[in-house]
């Protein structure tokens, strides 16, 4: 019987670059920047790393398709390294590979690193990839804003609220992201924006306006993980950050096969969250979680995710959002670093960036945005479209072994 990974792996070092329009830096430069911080934080040398996982989603024209890019850029000691890709959940997938290797005893110390240079693609949004003839025939005009905008229409239809009520709540989500991003020196967007400006912004895909959409960023992030026993050997003391659970759920086609799914929620999030809570021993997410980092590619996605994670009752997320429940000083602070919306969304790095914020908060090193003694945090990383996606839900807390 599988016992899970709770408290079998701890994070001893993390690094994250400045996100944004990093025209001056190559992808290799960004990898080195994140790795240097992570290595210094861990207090080890690179020769102590025994395996590595490399998250890269779309930027193949600069880096190639293999993990050689990682190994060469960081001068890793001829260790096994694997390139992984799971759409926008790629960063978390790299971390999952490293964590599972350590939990299984295959490596004492492992590295996970994700990077993306989206600005170099020249696209204003996510770059389109050639999916092959079959997918191009079935999804000839699908875009990320268009697909996630349908969340809003479905949510309104399901719960009987007006689109104007929903837009007010979405505007609060975006306002919160800008307020939090303004406190984060590594965030791509650091300007505060008032609600009125958000509501009057140009429309991208109704009802999503300009400020409801995350930006396109360059960046990298990494984590170095080991066992609690190895951490003790390395002289690590104080509050160790432990991996409590990492769960992944992928669409199996049911959302597109029949009408049991109405488009108002993400089925994979609900499944991954239930598994992650069970593995971590969380029985009441509202009371147990001190902070969360969720995949706010669009403001409506964050709002819907509050219900999918069990933090709002069905149909009540708009009221909870407007009441400040997920503000930095609310009951369950959400995206206190600015989230995808303002920290940025370099796809391969995003999941690791989320873990980076939880790690900083749990160690009391988050500066101006530091919360009061958090002990358990969650990351939620979603890749794909509402009807066809990959979702990872992970929990991190203080080591209790």
Protein backbone atom coordinates (compact mmCIF):
# COMPACT_ATOMS: atom_id res chain seq x y z
CA UNK A 1 0.00 0.00 0.00
CA UNK A 2 1.42 3.36 -1.01
CA UNK A 3 2.11 5.60 1.97
CA UNK A 4 2.68 8.90 0.18
CA UNK A 5 5.57 11.33 0.52
CA UNK A 6 4.54 13.41 3.52
CA UNK A 7 7.65 14.63 5.41
CA UNK A 8 9.97 12.35 3.42
CA UNK A 9 11.51 15.27 1.52
CA UNK A 10 12.59 18.75 2.58
CA UNK A 11 13.62 21.78 0.56
CA UNK A 12 17.06 23.06 1.53
CA UNK A 13 17.51 25.74 -1.09
CA UNK A 14 15.49 27.77 -3.60
CA UNK A 15 16.25 30.46 -6.12
CA UNK A 16 14.19 32.70 -8.39
CA UNK A 17 15.16 35.35 -10.89
CA UNK A 18 13.57 38.71 -11.45
CA UNK A 19 10.63 38.02 -13.77
CA UNK A 20 9.81 40.35 -16.63
CA UNK A 21 11.13 41.49 -19.99
CA UNK A 22 14.63 40.10 -19.58
CA UNK A 23 15.97 41.11 -23.00
CA UNK A 24 19.49 41.41 -21.58
CA UNK A 25 19.61 37.80 -20.39
CA UNK A 26 19.64 34.52 -22.30
CA UNK A 27 17.81 31.46 -21.03
CA UNK A 28 21.20 30.15 -19.85
CA UNK A 29 21.76 33.38 -17.93
CA UNK A 30 18.39 33.02 -16.21
CA UNK A 31 19.11 29.42 -15.25
CA UNK A 32 22.45 30.41 -13.75
CA UNK A 33 20.85 33.32 -11.87
CA UNK A 34 18.21 31.13 -10.21
CA UNK A 35 20.66 28.28 -9.58
CA UNK A 36 23.24 30.54 -7.94
CA UNK A 37 20.65 31.75 -5.42
CA UNK A 38 19.40 28.22 -4.76
CA UNK A 39 22.89 26.80 -4.32
CA UNK A 40 23.88 29.59 -1.94
CA UNK A 41 20.66 29.13 0.01
CA UNK A 42 21.28 25.38 0.31
CA UNK A 43 24.88 25.90 1.39
CA UNK A 44 26.18 23.06 -0.76
CA UNK A 45 28.29 22.82 -3.88
CA UNK A 46 27.01 21.61 -7.23
CA UNK A 47 28.93 18.33 -7.01
CA UNK A 48 26.61 17.23 -4.20
CA UNK A 49 23.60 17.24 -6.54
CA UNK A 50 22.93 13.71 -7.77
CA UNK A 51 20.05 14.15 -10.23
CA UNK A 52 18.15 16.97 -11.92
CA UNK A 53 14.80 17.68 -13.56
CA UNK A 54 14.47 20.48 -16.11
CA UNK A 55 11.12 22.18 -16.80
CA UNK A 56 10.77 23.81 -20.22
CA UNK A 57 7.48 24.23 -22.02
CA UNK A 58 7.60 26.12 -25.32
CA UNK A 59 10.94 27.84 -25.77
CA UNK A 60 12.59 25.10 -27.80
CA UNK A 61 13.97 27.42 -30.45
CA UNK A 62 16.53 28.77 -27.98
CA UNK A 63 17.31 25.75 -25.83
CA UNK A 64 16.63 22.56 -27.74
CA UNK A 65 14.49 19.72 -26.50
CA UNK A 66 16.73 17.93 -24.01
CA UNK A 67 18.12 18.47 -20.52
CA UNK A 68 21.58 19.05 -22.03
CA UNK A 69 20.74 22.77 -21.89
CA UNK A 70 20.46 22.56 -18.11
CA UNK A 71 23.50 20.36 -17.59
CA UNK A 72 25.74 22.52 -19.74
CA UNK A 73 24.53 25.90 -18.46
CA UNK A 74 24.99 24.89 -14.81
CA UNK A 75 28.07 22.68 -15.35
CA UNK A 76 26.39 19.84 -13.49
CA UNK A 77 28.69 16.93 -12.57
CA UNK A 78 27.66 14.52 -15.37
CA UNK A 79 24.57 13.44 -13.43
CA UNK A 80 21.29 12.14 -14.82
CA UNK A 81 19.06 15.01 -15.93
CA UNK A 82 15.62 14.84 -17.48
CA UNK A 83 13.64 17.44 -19.40
CA UNK A 84 9.92 17.47 -18.50
CA UNK A 85 6.94 19.30 -19.97
CA UNK A 86 3.33 19.37 -18.75
CA UNK A 87 1.95 22.56 -20.29
CA UNK A 88 1.62 25.38 -17.73
CA UNK A 89 2.19 22.87 -14.90
CA UNK A 90 5.72 22.20 -16.18
CA UNK A 91 7.53 23.85 -13.25
CA UNK A 92 5.67 21.78 -10.69
CA UNK A 93 6.29 18.66 -12.76
CA UNK A 94 10.06 19.28 -12.54
CA UNK A 95 9.77 19.64 -8.77
CA UNK A 96 7.65 16.49 -8.56
CA UNK A 97 10.34 14.52 -10.37
CA UNK A 98 13.06 15.67 -7.98
CA UNK A 99 10.90 15.12 -4.89
CA UNK A 100 9.83 11.63 -5.92
CA UNK A 101 13.42 10.62 -6.67
CA UNK A 102 14.53 11.64 -3.18
CA UNK A 103 11.49 10.06 -1.53
CA UNK A 104 12.20 6.81 -3.38
CA UNK A 105 15.83 6.76 -2.29
CA UNK A 106 17.15 7.10 -5.85
CA UNK A 107 19.07 10.28 -4.95
CA UNK A 108 20.09 11.99 -1.73
CA UNK A 109 20.07 15.49 -3.24
CA UNK A 110 18.13 16.49 -6.36
CA UNK A 111 17.57 19.68 -8.33
CA UNK A 112 14.45 20.97 -10.05
CA UNK A 113 14.74 23.99 -12.32
CA UNK A 114 12.31 25.61 -14.73
CA UNK A 115 12.89 28.40 -17.24
CA UNK A 116 11.14 30.18 -20.09
CA UNK A 117 12.04 33.05 -22.43
CA UNK A 118 8.56 33.91 -23.68
CA UNK A 119 9.38 37.48 -24.67
CA UNK A 120 11.79 36.18 -27.30
CA UNK A 121 8.96 34.40 -29.13
CA UNK A 122 7.55 37.74 -30.27
CA UNK A 123 3.99 36.86 -29.25
CA UNK A 124 1.84 39.20 -27.17
CA UNK A 125 0.28 36.18 -25.48
CA UNK A 126 1.26 32.55 -25.23
CA UNK A 127 2.89 31.40 -28.49
CA UNK A 128 0.87 29.09 -30.70
CA UNK A 129 2.44 25.72 -31.44
CA UNK A 130 1.80 23.46 -34.42
CA UNK A 131 -0.36 20.80 -32.85
CA UNK A 132 -0.65 18.64 -35.96
CA UNK A 133 -3.46 18.39 -38.48
CA UNK A 134 -5.99 16.65 -36.25
CA UNK A 135 -5.92 19.20 -33.42
CA UNK A 136 -5.78 22.12 -35.83
CA UNK A 137 -9.00 20.89 -37.43
CA UNK A 138 -10.77 20.49 -34.10
CA UNK A 139 -9.42 23.60 -32.33
CA UNK A 140 -8.68 26.05 -35.17
CA UNK A 141 -9.38 29.22 -33.20
CA UNK A 142 -8.89 28.31 -29.53
CA UNK A 143 -7.00 30.91 -27.50
CA UNK A 144 -6.24 31.04 -23.80
CA UNK A 145 -8.31 34.20 -23.12
CA UNK A 146 -11.21 32.90 -25.20
CA UNK A 147 -11.22 29.52 -23.53
CA UNK A 148 -11.00 30.82 -19.97
CA UNK A 149 -13.59 33.54 -20.65
CA UNK A 150 -16.05 30.69 -21.04
CA UNK A 151 -15.51 29.90 -17.35
CA UNK A 152 -17.29 33.18 -16.61
CA UNK A 153 -20.32 32.52 -18.80
CA UNK A 154 -20.67 29.00 -17.44
CA UNK A 155 -20.25 30.18 -13.84
CA UNK A 156 -22.97 32.83 -14.25
CA UNK A 157 -25.32 30.30 -15.80
CA UNK A 158 -24.64 27.70 -13.10
CA UNK A 159 -24.99 29.94 -10.07
CA UNK A 160 -27.57 32.48 -11.22
CA UNK A 161 -25.62 35.66 -10.62
CA UNK A 162 -25.27 38.57 -13.01
CA UNK A 163 -22.21 39.10 -15.17
CA UNK A 164 -21.79 42.53 -13.57
CA UNK A 165 -21.54 40.95 -10.11
CA UNK A 166 -18.94 38.55 -11.40
CA UNK A 167 -16.95 41.33 -13.09
CA UNK A 168 -16.80 43.24 -9.81
CA UNK A 169 -15.35 40.20 -8.08
CA UNK A 170 -12.89 39.58 -10.93
CA UNK A 171 -11.78 43.22 -10.69
CA UNK A 172 -11.06 42.71 -6.99
CA UNK A 173 -8.94 39.67 -7.82
CA UNK A 174 -6.89 41.75 -10.26
CA UNK A 175 -6.67 44.70 -7.86
CA UNK A 176 -5.38 42.37 -5.13
CA UNK A 177 -2.72 40.98 -7.45
CA UNK A 178 -1.41 44.46 -8.22
CA UNK A 179 -1.42 45.44 -4.56
CA UNK A 180 0.64 42.36 -3.71
CA UNK A 181 2.93 42.65 -6.72
CA UNK A 182 3.83 46.19 -5.69
CA UNK A 183 5.53 44.71 -2.60
CA UNK A 184 7.57 42.17 -4.55
CA UNK A 185 10.92 43.34 -5.94
CA UNK A 186 11.12 40.33 -8.28
CA UNK A 187 7.66 40.82 -9.80
CA UNK A 188 7.21 41.77 -13.45
CA UNK A 189 4.37 44.23 -12.77
CA UNK A 190 4.73 46.39 -9.66
CA UNK A 191 2.23 49.20 -10.26
CA UNK A 192 -0.91 49.55 -8.17
CA UNK A 193 -4.14 49.87 -10.18
CA UNK A 194 -7.53 51.02 -8.90
CA UNK A 195 -10.76 49.11 -9.41
CA UNK A 196 -12.29 51.68 -11.74
CA UNK A 197 -9.35 51.48 -14.13
CA UNK A 198 -9.58 47.68 -14.15
CA UNK A 199 -13.30 47.75 -14.97
CA UNK A 200 -12.83 50.30 -17.78
CA UNK A 201 -9.84 48.58 -19.40
CA UNK A 202 -9.98 47.38 -23.02
CA UNK A 203 -11.75 44.08 -23.52
CA UNK A 204 -9.62 41.06 -24.49
CA UNK A 205 -12.26 38.32 -24.52
CA UNK A 206 -15.57 39.15 -22.85
CA UNK A 207 -15.78 39.48 -19.91
CA UNK A 208 -11.98 39.43 -19.49
CA UNK A 209 -10.42 42.87 -19.77
CA UNK A 210 -6.76 43.76 -20.02
CA UNK A 211 -6.16 43.61 -16.26
CA UNK A 212 -7.87 40.23 -15.97
CA UNK A 213 -5.08 38.56 -17.97
CA UNK A 214 -1.59 37.63 -16.82
CA UNK A 215 1.38 39.02 -18.70
CA UNK A 216 4.07 37.33 -20.76
CA UNK A 217 7.36 37.06 -18.89
CA UNK A 218 10.88 35.66 -18.90
CA UNK A 219 12.25 33.99 -15.79
CA UNK A 220 13.62 30.94 -14.00
CA UNK A 221 13.23 29.31 -10.59
CA UNK A 222 14.75 26.28 -8.89
CA UNK A 223 14.61 24.07 -5.81
CA UNK A 224 17.14 21.76 -4.18
CA UNK A 225 15.61 18.91 -2.19
CA UNK A 226 16.87 16.14 0.07
CA UNK A 227 15.78 13.88 2.92
CA UNK A 228 15.39 15.23 6.47
CA UNK A 229 18.24 12.94 7.53
CA UNK A 230 20.58 14.26 4.84
CA UNK A 231 19.59 17.82 5.73
CA UNK A 232 20.67 17.14 9.32
CA UNK A 233 24.00 15.79 8.05
CA UNK A 234 24.45 19.02 6.12
CA UNK A 235 23.94 20.99 9.31
CA UNK A 236 20.50 22.32 8.46
CA UNK A 237 18.72 23.50 11.60
CA UNK A 238 15.69 25.60 12.41
CA UNK A 239 12.43 25.46 10.46
CA UNK A 240 12.91 22.99 7.63
CA UNK A 241 10.33 23.27 4.85
CA UNK A 242 8.86 19.86 4.12
CA UNK A 243 6.86 18.57 1.18
CA UNK A 244 3.54 17.36 2.58
CA UNK A 245 1.98 16.20 -0.68
CA UNK A 246 2.19 16.53 -4.46
CA UNK A 247 -0.75 15.35 -6.53
CA UNK A 248 -1.36 15.52 -10.26
CA UNK A 249 -4.65 15.01 -12.15
CA UNK A 250 -5.10 15.07 -15.93
CA UNK A 251 -8.27 15.35 -17.96
CA UNK A 252 -9.27 12.00 -19.42
CA UNK A 253 -11.71 13.34 -22.00
CA UNK A 254 -14.85 13.20 -19.88
CA UNK A 255 -15.29 16.97 -19.99
CA UNK A 256 -15.57 16.77 -23.78
CA UNK A 257 -17.37 13.45 -24.03
CA UNK A 258 -20.75 14.14 -22.39
CA UNK A 259 -22.71 16.85 -20.61
CA UNK A 260 -22.03 15.90 -16.98
CA UNK A 261 -19.51 18.77 -16.83
CA UNK A 262 -21.07 22.21 -17.30
CA UNK A 263 -17.89 24.26 -17.74
CA UNK A 264 -18.20 26.22 -14.48
CA UNK A 265 -15.33 24.54 -12.62
CA UNK A 266 -12.09 22.62 -13.21
CA UNK A 267 -12.67 18.93 -12.56
CA UNK A 268 -8.95 18.13 -12.30
CA UNK A 269 -8.44 20.75 -9.58
CA UNK A 270 -11.12 19.16 -7.43
CA UNK A 271 -9.61 15.70 -7.88
CA UNK A 272 -5.99 16.78 -7.29
CA UNK A 273 -6.96 18.86 -4.25
CA UNK A 274 -8.87 16.02 -2.62
CA UNK A 275 -5.90 13.69 -3.09
CA UNK A 276 -3.39 16.29 -1.87
CA UNK A 277 -5.42 17.06 1.26
CA UNK A 278 -5.75 13.38 2.07
CA UNK A 279 -2.03 12.72 1.61
CA UNK A 280 -1.08 15.73 3.75
CA UNK A 281 -3.68 15.01 6.45
CA UNK A 282 -5.64 18.22 5.83
CA UNK A 283 -9.25 17.86 6.98
CA UNK A 284 -10.40 21.48 6.81
CA UNK A 285 -8.66 23.49 4.09
CA UNK A 286 -10.18 26.81 5.20
CA UNK A 287 -8.78 26.47 8.71
CA UNK A 288 -5.60 24.53 8.00
CA UNK A 289 -4.12 26.56 5.12
CA UNK A 290 -2.22 29.74 6.00
CA UNK A 291 -1.58 30.87 2.43
CA UNK A 292 -2.07 29.67 -1.13
CA UNK A 293 -0.50 30.28 -4.53
CA UNK A 294 -2.96 29.50 -7.32
CA UNK A 295 -2.83 29.55 -11.10
CA UNK A 296 -4.39 32.94 -11.82
CA UNK A 297 -3.69 32.99 -15.56
CA UNK A 298 -6.93 34.99 -15.64
CA UNK A 299 -8.89 36.55 -12.78
CA UNK A 300 -11.85 34.24 -13.40
CA UNK A 301 -9.55 31.23 -13.01
CA UNK A 302 -8.49 32.30 -9.51
CA UNK A 303 -12.10 32.92 -8.51
CA UNK A 304 -13.29 29.51 -9.72
CA UNK A 305 -10.28 27.84 -8.10
CA UNK A 306 -11.37 29.07 -4.65
CA UNK A 307 -14.40 26.80 -4.91
CA UNK A 308 -12.50 23.92 -6.51
CA UNK A 309 -10.06 23.94 -3.57
CA UNK A 310 -12.92 23.89 -1.07
CA UNK A 311 -12.15 27.40 0.21
CA UNK A 312 -15.50 28.84 -0.87
CA UNK A 313 -18.88 27.17 -1.01
CA UNK A 314 -20.28 26.61 -4.52
CA UNK A 315 -21.52 29.93 -5.90
CA UNK A 316 -20.05 31.95 -3.01
CA UNK A 317 -16.56 32.76 -4.31
CA UNK A 318 -17.56 36.22 -5.63
CA UNK A 319 -18.90 37.25 -2.21
CA UNK A 320 -15.84 35.84 -0.44
CA UNK A 321 -13.49 37.63 -2.83
CA UNK A 322 -15.27 40.96 -2.38
CA UNK A 323 -15.28 40.49 1.41
CA UNK A 324 -11.47 40.27 1.34
CA UNK A 325 -11.24 36.62 2.39
CA UNK A 326 -8.28 36.05 0.04
CA UNK A 327 -6.55 39.42 0.48
CA UNK A 328 -3.11 39.53 2.07
CA UNK A 329 -4.72 40.30 5.44
CA UNK A 330 -7.68 37.95 4.88
CA UNK A 331 -8.52 34.51 6.20
CA UNK A 332 -6.70 32.62 3.43
CA UNK A 333 -4.16 34.96 1.75
CA UNK A 334 -3.89 34.17 -1.94
CA UNK A 335 -1.04 35.04 -4.29
CA UNK A 336 0.68 37.37 -1.86
CA UNK A 337 3.61 37.69 -4.27
CA UNK A 338 1.40 38.99 -7.10
CA UNK A 339 0.64 35.63 -8.70
CA UNK A 340 0.90 34.89 -12.41
CA UNK A 341 -0.93 38.18 -12.96
CA UNK A 342 1.85 40.39 -11.60
CA UNK A 343 4.86 38.24 -10.64
CA UNK A 344 4.67 36.81 -14.16
CA UNK A 345 4.17 33.54 -15.99
CA UNK A 346 7.30 32.14 -17.67
CA UNK A 347 5.65 28.76 -18.07
CA UNK A 348 8.50 26.41 -17.17
CA UNK A 349 9.28 28.40 -14.03
CA UNK A 350 5.79 29.19 -12.72
CA UNK A 351 5.17 26.13 -10.53
CA UNK A 352 8.59 26.50 -8.92
CA UNK A 353 8.01 30.23 -8.42
CA UNK A 354 4.85 29.40 -6.50
CA UNK A 355 6.78 27.00 -4.25
CA UNK A 356 9.47 29.68 -3.86
CA UNK A 357 6.95 32.08 -2.31
CA UNK A 358 5.59 29.45 0.07
CA UNK A 359 9.18 28.55 1.03
CA UNK A 360 10.08 32.19 1.70
CA UNK A 361 6.93 32.74 3.77
CA UNK A 362 7.41 29.59 5.86
CA UNK A 363 10.95 30.69 6.66
CA UNK A 364 9.91 34.25 7.50
CA UNK A 365 11.95 35.76 4.67
CA UNK A 366 9.27 37.41 2.52
CA UNK A 367 10.07 40.99 3.48
CA UNK A 368 7.27 43.54 3.21
CA UNK A 369 4.70 40.91 2.28
CA UNK A 370 5.59 38.53 5.14
CA UNK A 371 2.56 36.96 6.79
CA UNK A 372 2.26 36.28 10.51
CA UNK A 373 3.79 32.85 11.29
CA UNK A 374 2.41 30.72 8.46
CA UNK A 375 2.93 26.97 8.86
CA UNK A 376 1.15 25.38 5.88
CA UNK A 377 0.90 26.57 2.28
CA UNK A 378 -0.57 25.27 -0.98
CA UNK A 379 0.36 25.66 -4.63
CA UNK A 380 -2.07 25.07 -7.49
CA UNK A 381 -0.69 24.86 -11.03
CA UNK A 382 -3.02 24.43 -14.01
CA UNK A 383 -2.03 23.72 -17.61
CA UNK A 384 -4.24 23.69 -20.69
CA UNK A 385 -7.83 24.83 -21.14
CA UNK A 386 -10.79 24.44 -18.74
CA UNK A 387 -12.09 21.46 -20.72
CA UNK A 388 -8.72 19.78 -21.33
CA UNK A 389 -6.08 20.32 -18.69
CA UNK A 390 -3.43 19.20 -16.24
CA UNK A 391 -3.63 20.21 -12.58
CA UNK A 392 -1.07 19.88 -9.81
CA UNK A 393 -1.86 20.63 -6.16
CA UNK A 394 0.98 20.54 -3.62
CA UNK A 395 1.26 21.32 0.08
CA UNK A 396 4.33 22.52 1.96
CA UNK A 397 4.82 23.04 5.67
CA UNK A 398 7.28 22.91 8.52
CA UNK A 399 8.95 19.54 8.95
CA UNK A 400 7.28 17.66 11.77
CA UNK A 401 9.23 14.39 11.81
